[in-house]
């Protein structure tokens, strides 16, 4: 089992200040895919496209945003192992055996994305020069 926390340890800035462009959920196979742009630069900002794929997903919770403020069609994330801070009236289900727990704080929403999953993989893509010119993920089609 590889966790998101373990993947973050191998990245220059982990998932801190990552840009989230898209989340896709495959309920039948238990997969979640997140299209990201990761902070890669030391002094000057440099971003790199990446795809985070989670398998054996037992729970995905995207808490309602307090506000929606999209910049470049994406939102900025921060990341931490475990559950987010307690909120009144919110009770998290028990974590199934063999799953890790990870949460992403979505800064513009002032809320969290929480996942229980068994395995995480990260595929790195190209360096991104301009978020506004970045190729967008194809939209899901109905049917």
Protein backbone atom coordinates (compact mmCIF):
# COMPACT_ATOMS: atom_id res chain seq x y z
CA UNK A 1 0.00 0.00 0.00
CA UNK A 2 1.32 3.43 -0.97
CA UNK A 3 -0.33 6.41 0.70
CA UNK A 4 -0.74 9.99 -0.51
CA UNK A 5 1.48 11.06 2.39
CA UNK A 6 4.27 8.78 1.15
CA UNK A 7 3.95 10.14 -2.40
CA UNK A 8 4.09 13.71 -1.06
CA UNK A 9 7.41 12.98 0.66
CA UNK A 10 9.04 12.47 -2.76
CA UNK A 11 7.79 15.81 -4.19
CA UNK A 12 9.61 19.15 -3.83
CA UNK A 13 6.63 20.75 -2.02
CA UNK A 14 4.41 17.72 -1.50
CA UNK A 15 0.81 18.58 -2.35
CA UNK A 16 1.13 21.99 -0.66
CA UNK A 17 -0.28 24.71 -2.92
CA UNK A 18 -1.27 22.16 -5.56
CA UNK A 19 -3.89 23.30 -8.06
CA UNK A 20 -6.87 20.96 -8.49
CA UNK A 21 -8.34 21.01 -11.99
CA UNK A 22 -10.58 17.94 -12.00
CA UNK A 23 -11.82 15.01 -9.90
CA UNK A 24 -13.23 11.89 -11.53
CA UNK A 25 -14.89 9.07 -9.62
CA UNK A 26 -15.32 5.53 -10.96
CA UNK A 27 -17.77 4.04 -8.47
CA UNK A 28 -17.84 0.61 -10.09
CA UNK A 29 -14.07 0.07 -9.84
CA UNK A 30 -13.50 2.15 -6.68
CA UNK A 31 -11.11 4.64 -8.32
CA UNK A 32 -10.71 8.40 -7.88
CA UNK A 33 -8.53 10.40 -10.27
CA UNK A 34 -7.42 13.96 -9.54
CA UNK A 35 -5.85 16.19 -12.21
CA UNK A 36 -3.37 18.51 -10.48
CA UNK A 37 -0.70 21.09 -11.16
CA UNK A 38 2.01 20.68 -8.50
CA UNK A 39 4.34 23.38 -7.21
CA UNK A 40 7.78 22.36 -8.48
CA UNK A 41 9.97 25.47 -8.30
CA UNK A 42 12.40 26.53 -5.59
CA UNK A 43 12.73 30.28 -6.10
CA UNK A 44 10.54 31.05 -9.10
CA UNK A 45 7.09 29.46 -9.29
CA UNK A 46 7.06 26.46 -11.58
CA UNK A 47 4.20 24.00 -11.93
CA UNK A 48 4.06 20.43 -13.18
CA UNK A 49 0.97 18.56 -14.31
CA UNK A 50 0.26 15.38 -12.38
CA UNK A 51 -2.47 12.79 -12.04
CA UNK A 52 -3.15 11.32 -8.61
CA UNK A 53 -4.99 8.00 -8.86
CA UNK A 54 -6.53 6.38 -5.81
CA UNK A 55 -7.67 2.76 -5.84
CA UNK A 56 -9.62 0.70 -3.36
CA UNK A 57 -11.56 3.82 -2.47
CA UNK A 58 -13.90 3.16 0.44
CA UNK A 59 -15.05 6.76 1.00
CA UNK A 60 -14.77 10.11 -0.74
CA UNK A 61 -16.26 13.19 0.87
CA UNK A 62 -16.24 16.60 -0.73
CA UNK A 63 -17.55 18.99 1.90
CA UNK A 64 -19.70 21.84 0.66
CA UNK A 65 -17.78 25.00 -0.10
CA UNK A 66 -18.24 28.07 2.08
CA UNK A 67 -17.62 30.08 -1.08
CA UNK A 68 -16.61 29.31 -4.63
CA UNK A 69 -13.78 31.40 -6.00
CA UNK A 70 -12.07 29.74 -8.93
CA UNK A 71 -8.81 31.06 -10.26
CA UNK A 72 -7.86 29.74 -13.68
CA UNK A 73 -10.72 27.24 -13.37
CA UNK A 74 -8.91 25.47 -10.53
CA UNK A 75 -8.69 25.62 -6.74
CA UNK A 76 -5.62 25.60 -4.49
CA UNK A 77 -5.13 22.64 -2.14
CA UNK A 78 -3.14 21.83 0.92
CA UNK A 79 -2.73 18.28 2.12
CA UNK A 80 -2.46 16.30 5.34
CA UNK A 81 -2.53 12.74 6.51
CA UNK A 82 -5.60 11.79 8.56
CA UNK A 83 -8.94 13.46 9.11
CA UNK A 84 -9.54 17.21 9.10
CA UNK A 85 -10.14 19.12 12.33
CA UNK A 86 -13.43 18.30 14.03
CA UNK A 87 -16.53 20.19 12.92
CA UNK A 88 -19.67 20.33 14.99
CA UNK A 89 -22.19 17.70 13.90
CA UNK A 90 -19.81 15.96 11.49
CA UNK A 91 -18.97 12.33 12.27
CA UNK A 92 -16.60 10.36 10.03
CA UNK A 93 -17.28 6.66 9.40
CA UNK A 94 -14.85 4.05 10.69
CA UNK A 95 -11.85 3.49 8.43
CA UNK A 96 -11.96 0.04 6.79
CA UNK A 97 -9.02 -2.25 7.43
CA UNK A 98 -6.19 -1.72 4.95
CA UNK A 99 -7.20 1.85 4.05
CA UNK A 100 -5.32 5.07 4.68
CA UNK A 101 -7.03 8.39 5.41
CA UNK A 102 -6.06 11.65 3.75
CA UNK A 103 -7.58 15.10 3.54
CA UNK A 104 -7.05 18.02 1.22
CA UNK A 105 -7.92 21.50 2.44
CA UNK A 106 -9.50 23.47 -0.40
CA UNK A 107 -8.48 27.03 0.43
CA UNK A 108 -11.06 28.96 -1.65
CA UNK A 109 -13.87 26.80 -0.22
CA UNK A 110 -12.56 26.86 3.35
CA UNK A 111 -13.42 23.16 3.49
CA UNK A 112 -12.07 19.65 2.86
CA UNK A 113 -11.93 16.72 0.49
CA UNK A 114 -11.46 13.52 2.51
CA UNK A 115 -10.64 10.09 1.13
CA UNK A 116 -10.26 6.56 2.52
CA UNK A 117 -8.36 4.41 0.02
CA UNK A 118 -6.01 1.44 -0.20
CA UNK A 119 -3.44 2.67 -2.71
CA UNK A 120 -2.24 5.89 -4.33
CA UNK A 121 -0.16 6.41 -7.46
CA UNK A 122 1.14 9.61 -9.01
CA UNK A 123 1.88 10.12 -12.69
CA UNK A 124 3.92 13.22 -13.48
CA UNK A 125 3.30 15.17 -16.67
CA UNK A 126 4.74 18.19 -18.41
CA UNK A 127 5.84 21.45 -16.81
CA UNK A 128 3.20 24.16 -17.00
CA UNK A 129 4.26 27.64 -18.08
CA UNK A 130 0.86 29.36 -17.87
CA UNK A 131 -2.13 27.97 -15.99
CA UNK A 132 -4.50 29.94 -18.21
CA UNK A 133 -3.19 28.17 -21.32
CA UNK A 134 -3.07 24.77 -19.64
CA UNK A 135 -4.94 22.02 -21.45
CA UNK A 136 -8.16 21.25 -19.60
CA UNK A 137 -9.30 17.69 -18.89
CA UNK A 138 -11.99 16.53 -21.28
CA UNK A 139 -15.47 17.02 -19.86
CA UNK A 140 -17.46 13.92 -19.01
CA UNK A 141 -20.28 13.24 -21.45
CA UNK A 142 -23.74 12.07 -20.55
CA UNK A 143 -25.15 8.96 -22.00
